Amino acid sequence: MWDAAKCDLCGDCLVKCRYVDYDKEKAAREIKLLMEGKAADILDRCITCNACFQYCPTGADPADLIYKMIEKIGTGSLVTTFKPFIDSVTRAFEEASDGGQVIAGDPDKPVLSFDSFVFKQFPEGTLDSRMFRGMTVVRGKRYASLVGMGHMGGASLAERYGQKVIEGFAHFGKDVVYIHNEGYVLAHVKAKELGINVPYKYMHLFEYMRDYLRSNKNDITLLNKKIAYQPNCAVRWIPEQNIWLDEILELIGVERVSRKYEGLNALCCGGPALAVNKDLGLNMQKENIKDALDNNAEAMIIICPMCDAMMRDQISKAGLPKIFITDLCRMALGEISWPAN
């Protein structure tokens, strides 16, 4: 959450941004304008990749400030493009127009949250996996993480409706596994910032799959593959996710190749960028995929339905298999096969 008291106007957050070309003076001036509640050039150029959250040396969280101002000013392409969806999410809470979808499971199994995504946005057969069998499954706008709405000009939704989302999950009286990063971020990061009590135990998908694989080592066939990893923007809030991923990859015999665009230098999938600057977004995708191929990756591993949708065509054109992280684990468990070339 934005903390003006921590900002010393050093400008690092925007100087290091790869999508604009600001010197320190320009960067500091931009942040100062935003702090004063005024429009600034960055509002029309920000692709909401969240990198400036990590670039900031003082922990002031300039990304939060920028996203809030994008929503407040309301004239940028992100706001206008996604306004119908943001309006529909708002109605779901204000008018109780979306009660969500619940598939009841076994009493002793946790809840698996699909956020507001529809099931077909995940690989076919995901729910048939032994990893998730018997879990209560929920989805719909009433169970949306809301954190991701910052990419769409709806930064305030987490603050306005986060409490209701948490209460909705608490109603099940079960542990919750978040299959999407932003759901975990709402419970683990944003709830603390907003003073929301989370009265249930929760896990990230990666923690859950790691634990499952550890308990079922005898069922694993090592894949012996090299992959490139495409994180979504929320990973920047939860750097510990990299540890969980590395543990999963070791368990299933997969090597994550070292490449230019990873870690702090990771590229956005291009989704919001396409709404801001189409050429920029397409170039990001091409450079990202080329980097994976140049480093001998045999597949691109995706963890987010939005990243999947945005990068699908470009990855296909490059002839690089695109594999959801859940499917990667299913391959090691013998449930499905590695994709044919």
Protein backbone atom coordinates (compact mmCIF):
# COMPACT_ATOMS: atom_id res chain seq x y z
CA MET A 1 0.00 0.00 0.00
CA TRP A 2 1.27 3.48 -0.89
CA ASP A 3 3.11 5.15 1.99
CA ALA A 4 4.02 8.75 1.20
CA ALA A 5 6.11 9.01 4.38
CA LYS A 6 8.54 6.47 2.93
CA CYS A 7 8.97 8.20 -0.42
CA ASP A 8 12.10 10.36 -0.75
CA LEU A 9 11.43 11.21 -4.43
CA CYS A 10 14.58 9.40 -5.52
CA GLY A 11 12.88 8.48 -8.80
CA ASP A 12 14.29 4.95 -8.94
CA CYS A 13 10.87 3.40 -9.43
CA LEU A 14 10.38 5.07 -12.81
CA VAL A 15 14.01 5.46 -13.87
CA LYS A 16 14.31 1.66 -13.78
CA CYS A 17 10.99 1.11 -15.56
CA ARG A 18 11.76 -0.51 -18.93
CA TYR A 19 8.60 0.85 -20.53
CA VAL A 20 9.33 4.60 -20.17
CA ASP A 21 12.48 6.66 -20.61
CA TYR A 22 12.64 9.03 -17.62
CA ASP A 23 15.68 10.54 -16.00
CA LYS A 24 15.71 11.05 -12.22
CA GLU A 25 14.36 14.60 -12.45
CA LYS A 26 11.47 13.59 -14.69
CA ALA A 27 10.70 10.51 -12.57
CA ALA A 28 10.65 12.49 -9.34
CA ARG A 29 8.44 15.13 -10.92
CA GLU A 30 5.97 12.46 -12.04
CA ILE A 31 5.68 10.96 -8.56
CA LYS A 32 5.34 14.41 -6.99
CA LEU A 33 2.42 15.20 -9.31
CA LEU A 34 0.72 11.97 -8.32
CA MET A 35 1.29 12.67 -4.64
CA GLU A 36 -0.49 16.00 -5.16
CA GLY A 37 -3.44 14.20 -6.78
CA LYS A 38 -2.66 15.53 -10.25
CA ALA A 39 -2.47 13.90 -13.66
CA ALA A 40 0.94 12.82 -14.91
CA ASP A 41 2.42 11.33 -18.06
CA ILE A 42 2.99 7.93 -16.44
CA LEU A 43 -0.75 7.39 -16.05
CA ASP A 44 -1.12 7.02 -19.82
CA ARG A 45 2.01 4.88 -20.18
CA CYS A 46 1.93 2.54 -17.20
CA ILE A 47 1.22 -1.08 -18.12
CA THR A 48 0.65 -2.07 -14.45
CA CYS A 49 3.39 -4.71 -14.44
CA ASN A 50 4.06 -4.02 -10.75
CA ALA A 51 7.86 -3.89 -11.24
CA CYS A 52 8.15 -0.46 -9.62
CA PHE A 53 6.91 -2.07 -6.40
CA GLN A 54 10.21 -3.97 -6.34
CA TYR A 55 12.33 -1.15 -7.76
CA CYS A 56 11.42 1.20 -4.89
CA PRO A 57 14.33 1.14 -2.37
CA THR A 58 12.25 2.47 0.54
CA GLY A 59 9.15 0.28 0.33
CA ALA A 60 6.84 3.20 -0.44
CA ASP A 61 4.91 1.11 -3.02
CA PRO A 62 4.68 3.56 -5.94
CA ALA A 63 2.74 0.96 -7.96
CA ASP A 64 -0.21 1.34 -5.58
CA LEU A 65 -0.10 5.13 -5.96
CA ILE A 66 0.00 4.88 -9.75
CA TYR A 67 -2.86 2.38 -9.94
CA LYS A 68 -5.04 4.48 -7.64
CA MET A 69 -4.37 7.58 -9.71
CA ILE A 70 -5.11 5.73 -12.95
CA GLU A 71 -8.53 4.96 -11.50
CA LYS A 72 -9.03 8.46 -10.08
CA ILE A 73 -8.13 10.36 -13.27
CA GLY A 74 -10.09 7.81 -15.29
CA THR A 75 -9.17 8.92 -18.80
CA GLY A 76 -6.47 6.40 -19.68
CA SER A 77 -6.93 3.49 -22.08
CA LEU A 78 -6.80 0.92 -19.26
CA VAL A 79 -9.79 2.51 -17.54
CA THR A 80 -11.86 2.96 -20.69
CA THR A 81 -11.06 -0.50 -22.08
CA PHE A 82 -11.95 -2.43 -18.94
CA LYS A 83 -14.72 -0.23 -17.55
CA PRO A 84 -17.54 -2.67 -18.48
CA PHE A 85 -15.84 -5.48 -16.57
CA ILE A 86 -15.06 -3.32 -13.53
CA ASP A 87 -18.69 -2.19 -13.52
CA SER A 88 -19.86 -5.81 -13.59
CA VAL A 89 -17.64 -6.71 -10.63
CA THR A 90 -18.97 -3.71 -8.70
CA ARG A 91 -22.56 -4.79 -9.39
CA ALA A 92 -21.76 -8.29 -8.15
CA PHE A 93 -21.07 -6.83 -4.70
CA GLU A 94 -23.46 -3.88 -4.61
CA GLU A 95 -26.44 -5.74 -6.01
CA ALA A 96 -25.53 -9.33 -5.10
CA SER A 97 -25.88 -10.08 -8.83
CA ASP A 98 -23.32 -12.91 -8.83
CA GLY A 99 -23.50 -15.45 -6.04
CA GLY A 100 -20.61 -17.39 -7.50
CA GLN A 101 -20.41 -21.04 -8.46
CA VAL A 102 -19.74 -23.74 -5.87
CA ILE A 103 -19.02 -27.41 -6.54
CA ALA A 104 -19.30 -29.19 -3.20
CA GLY A 105 -16.53 -31.59 -2.24
CA ASP A 106 -15.57 -33.92 0.56
CA PRO A 107 -15.96 -32.55 4.10
CA ASP A 108 -12.31 -33.15 4.96
CA LYS A 109 -10.85 -31.59 1.80
CA PRO A 110 -10.03 -27.87 1.38
CA VAL A 111 -11.61 -25.29 -0.90
CA LEU A 112 -9.96 -24.67 -4.27
CA SER A 113 -10.50 -21.09 -5.43
CA PHE A 114 -10.56 -20.31 -9.14
CA ASP A 115 -11.00 -16.59 -8.46
CA SER A 116 -13.41 -15.01 -10.97
CA PHE A 117 -12.11 -17.09 -13.88
CA VAL A 118 -14.33 -19.59 -15.68
CA PHE A 119 -13.12 -23.18 -15.64
CA LYS A 120 -12.47 -23.28 -19.39
CA GLN A 121 -9.72 -20.69 -18.88
CA PHE A 122 -7.70 -23.46 -17.25
CA PRO A 123 -6.49 -26.61 -19.05
CA GLU A 124 -9.11 -29.23 -19.81
CA GLY A 125 -9.16 -31.92 -17.16
CA THR A 126 -7.64 -29.79 -14.39
CA LEU A 127 -10.39 -30.74 -11.95
CA ASP A 128 -10.02 -34.42 -12.87
CA SER A 129 -6.48 -34.49 -11.51
CA ARG A 130 -5.91 -36.62 -8.42
CA MET A 131 -4.26 -33.53 -6.91
CA PHE A 132 -7.61 -31.76 -6.66
CA ARG A 133 -10.06 -34.65 -6.42
CA GLY A 134 -12.65 -34.18 -3.67
CA MET A 135 -11.94 -30.50 -3.08
CA THR A 136 -14.78 -27.99 -2.88
CA VAL A 137 -14.38 -25.74 -5.91
CA VAL A 138 -15.51 -22.11 -6.06
CA ARG A 139 -15.42 -19.39 -8.66
CA GLY A 140 -17.21 -16.19 -9.66
CA LYS A 141 -17.02 -12.46 -9.13
CA ARG A 142 -18.04 -12.87 -5.48
CA TYR A 143 -14.82 -14.85 -4.99
CA ALA A 144 -12.62 -12.55 -7.08
CA SER A 145 -9.25 -11.62 -5.64
CA LEU A 146 -9.91 -7.97 -6.61
CA VAL A 147 -6.16 -7.31 -6.48
CA GLY A 148 -5.89 -7.93 -10.22
CA MET A 149 -8.46 -5.20 -10.86
CA GLY A 150 -5.61 -2.72 -10.57
CA HIS A 151 -4.62 -3.84 -14.08
CA MET A 152 -8.03 -2.68 -15.28
CA GLY A 153 -8.47 0.67 -13.61
CA GLY A 154 -10.17 -0.75 -10.54
CA ALA A 155 -7.51 -0.37 -7.86
CA SER A 156 -10.02 0.58 -5.17
CA LEU A 157 -12.06 -2.63 -5.40
CA ALA A 158 -9.82 -4.60 -3.03
CA GLU A 159 -10.28 -1.95 -0.35
CA ARG A 160 -14.02 -1.65 -0.98
CA TYR A 161 -14.95 -5.33 -1.20
CA GLY A 162 -12.00 -7.34 0.11
CA GLN A 163 -13.75 -7.91 3.43
CA LYS A 164 -16.75 -9.47 1.67
CA VAL A 165 -14.55 -11.81 -0.34
CA ILE A 166 -12.73 -13.02 2.78
CA GLU A 167 -16.06 -13.51 4.58
CA GLY A 168 -17.31 -15.55 1.62
CA PHE A 169 -14.42 -17.98 1.94
CA ALA A 170 -14.71 -18.08 5.73
CA HIS A 171 -18.31 -19.26 5.32
CA PHE A 172 -17.07 -22.68 4.14
CA GLY A 173 -15.23 -23.32 7.40
CA LYS A 174 -12.36 -24.94 5.50
CA ASP A 175 -8.78 -24.29 4.48
CA VAL A 176 -8.47 -22.49 1.14
CA VAL A 177 -6.05 -23.18 -1.71
CA TYR A 178 -5.67 -20.32 -4.17
CA ILE A 179 -5.03 -21.49 -7.71
CA HIS A 180 -4.38 -17.91 -8.85
CA ASN A 181 -1.71 -15.59 -7.47
CA GLU A 182 -3.94 -12.60 -6.83
CA GLY A 183 -6.28 -14.58 -4.59
CA TYR A 184 -3.36 -15.52 -2.39
CA VAL A 185 -2.14 -11.91 -2.44
CA LEU A 186 -5.51 -10.65 -1.19
CA ALA A 187 -5.42 -13.02 1.79
CA HIS A 188 -1.69 -12.90 2.52
CA VAL A 189 -0.65 -9.34 1.64
CA LYS A 190 -3.51 -6.96 1.05
CA ALA A 191 -5.67 -8.17 3.95
CA LYS A 192 -2.90 -7.20 6.37
CA GLU A 193 -2.53 -3.78 4.75
CA LEU A 194 -6.28 -3.19 4.90
CA GLY A 195 -6.74 -4.50 8.44
CA ILE A 196 -8.90 -7.43 7.32
CA ASN A 197 -8.84 -10.51 9.52
CA VAL A 198 -8.50 -13.79 7.61
CA PRO A 199 -10.12 -16.42 9.89
CA TYR A 200 -9.07 -19.50 7.94
CA LYS A 201 -5.88 -21.24 6.88
CA TYR A 202 -4.86 -20.72 3.28
CA MET A 203 -2.19 -21.90 0.88
CA HIS A 204 -0.78 -20.90 -2.47
CA LEU A 205 -1.26 -23.42 -5.28
CA PHE A 206 2.49 -24.01 -5.39
CA GLU A 207 2.62 -24.87 -1.68
CA TYR A 208 -0.26 -27.28 -2.09
CA MET A 209 1.19 -29.04 -5.15
CA ARG A 210 4.64 -29.23 -3.57
CA ASP A 211 3.20 -30.92 -0.51
CA TYR A 212 1.13 -33.29 -2.64
CA LEU A 213 4.16 -34.28 -4.71
CA ARG A 214 6.25 -34.82 -1.59
CA SER A 215 3.59 -37.17 -0.25
CA ASN A 216 3.36 -39.07 -3.52
CA LYS A 217 6.98 -39.34 -4.64
CA ASN A 218 6.56 -42.95 -5.67
CA ASP A 219 4.00 -41.90 -8.30
CA ILE A 220 6.32 -39.38 -9.97
CA THR A 221 8.17 -40.05 -13.20
CA LEU A 222 10.92 -37.48 -13.65
CA LEU A 223 10.31 -35.42 -16.79
CA ASN A 224 13.95 -34.47 -17.52
CA LYS A 225 12.94 -31.30 -19.35
CA LYS A 226 14.14 -27.69 -19.47
CA ILE A 227 11.55 -24.96 -19.19
CA ALA A 228 11.20 -21.19 -19.15
CA TYR A 229 8.89 -19.73 -16.54
CA GLN A 230 6.42 -16.91 -17.16
CA PRO A 231 5.42 -15.37 -13.81
CA ASN A 232 2.41 -13.12 -13.60
CA CYS A 233 2.69 -9.62 -12.15
CA ALA A 234 1.46 -10.60 -8.67
CA VAL A 235 4.62 -12.65 -8.12
CA ARG A 236 6.36 -9.39 -7.23
CA TRP A 237 4.28 -9.31 -4.02
CA ILE A 238 5.20 -12.88 -3.09
CA PRO A 239 8.88 -13.55 -3.89
CA GLU A 240 8.73 -16.71 -1.77
CA GLN A 241 6.80 -18.25 -4.64
CA ASN A 242 10.10 -18.82 -6.43
CA ILE A 243 11.23 -21.13 -3.62
CA TRP A 244 8.06 -23.19 -3.84
CA LEU A 245 8.37 -23.41 -7.63
CA ASP A 246 11.98 -24.57 -7.46
CA GLU A 247 10.95 -27.26 -4.97
CA ILE A 248 8.23 -28.46 -7.35
CA LEU A 249 10.59 -28.52 -10.31
CA GLU A 250 13.18 -30.51 -8.38
CA LEU A 251 10.56 -33.06 -7.36
CA ILE A 252 9.45 -33.65 -10.96
CA GLY A 253 12.88 -33.48 -12.62
CA VAL A 254 12.52 -30.17 -14.46
CA GLU A 255 15.21 -27.50 -14.88
CA ARG A 256 14.27 -23.83 -15.07
CA VAL A 257 16.70 -22.31 -17.58
CA SER A 258 18.55 -19.17 -16.62
CA ARG A 259 17.63 -16.33 -18.92
CA LYS A 260 17.62 -12.57 -19.27
CA TYR A 261 13.95 -11.99 -18.54
CA GLU A 262 13.46 -13.61 -15.16
CA GLY A 263 13.32 -12.52 -11.53
CA LEU A 264 13.45 -8.76 -11.15
CA ASN A 265 13.84 -8.46 -14.94
CA ALA A 266 10.80 -10.61 -15.76
CA LEU A 267 8.61 -9.31 -18.56
CA CYS A 268 4.87 -8.82 -18.23
CA CYS A 269 2.75 -11.13 -20.40
CA GLY A 270 1.79 -8.03 -22.36
CA GLY A 271 -1.91 -8.05 -21.46
CA PRO A 272 -2.37 -4.53 -20.08
CA ALA A 273 0.40 -3.30 -22.40
CA LEU A 274 -1.67 -4.22 -25.44
CA ALA A 275 -4.35 -1.81 -24.23
CA VAL A 276 -1.80 0.96 -23.69
CA ASN A 277 0.58 0.42 -26.63
CA LYS A 278 -0.07 -2.56 -28.91
CA ASP A 279 3.35 -2.48 -30.57
CA LEU A 280 5.04 -2.42 -27.16
CA GLY A 281 2.99 -5.34 -25.94
CA LEU A 282 3.68 -7.51 -29.00
CA ASN A 283 7.39 -6.71 -28.91
CA MET A 284 7.53 -7.67 -25.21
CA GLN A 285 5.99 -11.02 -26.00
CA LYS A 286 8.33 -11.71 -28.90
CA GLU A 287 11.44 -10.78 -26.90
CA ASN A 288 10.25 -12.90 -23.99
CA ILE A 289 9.67 -15.98 -26.13
CA LYS A 290 12.93 -15.48 -28.07
CA ASP A 291 14.78 -15.33 -24.74
CA ALA A 292 13.27 -18.68 -23.75
CA LEU A 293 14.22 -20.29 -27.06
CA ASP A 294 17.73 -18.82 -27.04
CA ASN A 295 18.31 -20.50 -23.68
CA ASN A 296 17.11 -23.91 -24.91
CA ALA A 297 13.81 -24.02 -23.07
CA GLU A 298 11.61 -26.91 -24.22
CA ALA A 299 8.40 -25.25 -23.03
CA MET A 300 7.03 -22.05 -21.55
CA ILE A 301 5.38 -22.65 -18.20
CA ILE A 302 2.34 -20.45 -17.47
CA ILE A 303 0.70 -19.89 -14.08
CA CYS A 304 -2.05 -17.39 -14.95
CA PRO A 305 -5.07 -17.63 -17.28
CA MET A 306 -4.52 -14.01 -18.37
CA CYS A 307 -0.88 -14.72 -19.27
CA ASP A 308 -2.11 -17.81 -21.10
CA ALA A 309 -4.66 -15.89 -23.16
CA MET A 310 -2.31 -12.99 -23.93
CA MET A 311 0.72 -15.06 -24.95
CA ARG A 312 -0.99 -18.06 -26.54
CA ASP A 313 -0.75 -16.96 -30.17
CA GLN A 314 2.84 -15.74 -30.03
CA ILE A 315 4.06 -18.87 -28.22
CA SER A 316 2.27 -21.06 -30.76
CA LYS A 317 3.81 -19.18 -33.68
CA ALA A 318 7.25 -19.77 -32.19
CA GLY A 319 6.61 -23.51 -31.98
CA LEU A 320 7.24 -23.56 -28.25
CA PRO A 321 4.93 -25.75 -26.13
CA LYS A 322 2.90 -23.75 -23.60
CA ILE A 323 2.15 -25.67 -20.42
CA PHE A 324 0.14 -24.65 -17.38
CA ILE A 325 1.97 -25.39 -14.13
CA THR A 326 -0.84 -27.73 -13.06
CA ASP A 327 -0.45 -29.73 -16.27
CA LEU A 328 3.31 -29.90 -15.77
CA CYS A 329 2.73 -31.66 -12.46
CA ARG A 330 0.05 -33.88 -14.00
CA MET A 331 2.61 -35.03 -16.58
CA ALA A 332 4.99 -36.09 -13.83
CA LEU A 333 2.12 -38.01 -12.19
CA GLY A 334 1.38 -39.84 -15.44
CA GLU A 335 -2.06 -38.27 -15.92
CA ILE A 336 -1.25 -36.61 -19.26
CA SER A 337 1.63 -36.64 -21.73
CA TRP A 338 4.20 -34.05 -22.73
CA PRO A 339 2.83 -32.15 -25.77
CA ALA A 340 3.92 -33.38 -29.17
CA ASN A 341 6.21 -31.08 -31.16
